[in-house]
Amino acid sequence: MKPVKLLMITAVVALVVITAVSLYTSQQGVTSETETVEAYQASVLQSRAEKHQFMKTDEESPFVVQKESFDSLNYFDINPEFKVTASVEKIENGKVHQLQTSDDSVKVYQEVAILHFDILGSHEDLTLLQSADRDHYFLPFYDETSAVSTYGAGRYLETEYDGSQSKITLDFNYAYNPYCAYVKGYSCPVPPPQNQLSVAITAGEKNFD
């Protein structure tokens, strides 16, 4: 066989092998991504199941404390699009807020950081607060669903922030209502005005029926 012809055959075989490997790798990537999404959804569902059990039976549940009946909480469908990465802009000697509460009292929090992130094609900011006793961080917010399909006095979101990170994850699929959304007898801080998002966060808890 002539060298030139042999070289052409070798090149064709190599191209076929490369194409097959690329296709296999691509398919594996899709499978892996699908499994990751499924695992993520399972994790959120597990969290919701645990909260359901807490609300129904735990002695610290607002329903148990107030002796109110409880059936279930309402949620939006799980959507990974509402899990975002936020950059952290720390605030030194941040402004102190006396947040109005649902029973017209006040609770004191201090600004510690501004969280910058993109969601639904919009750039948004939320101010992260810390309790006066520095016991916990607090991230309350309003969005375009507030007083429509979600609690009118805003929702809350837990964060992984410990005071040191430059970036953190915000997962609005875990957004939850304060106890005041369920029963009377609780004092719940409302979000500061700057924590109004310009988009509809159709994730996490809905209004409680």
Foldseek 3Di string as FASTA:
>chain_A
DDPVVVVVVVVVVVVVVVVVVVVVVVVVVVVVVVVVVVVVLVVLVVVQVVVQCCCQDPCPRPCNVVVHHDDHFAWFRADCLQKWKWFKAFDDPFDWDQFQWPVRHTFIWGFTTKTWTDGPNDIAIFTWIAGPVNPAIWTWAAEPCAVPFAPVLTWTFHWPDDNDDRMTITHQLAIGHDSVLPDPDDIGGGGDPRRYYHHDPRHHTTRGD
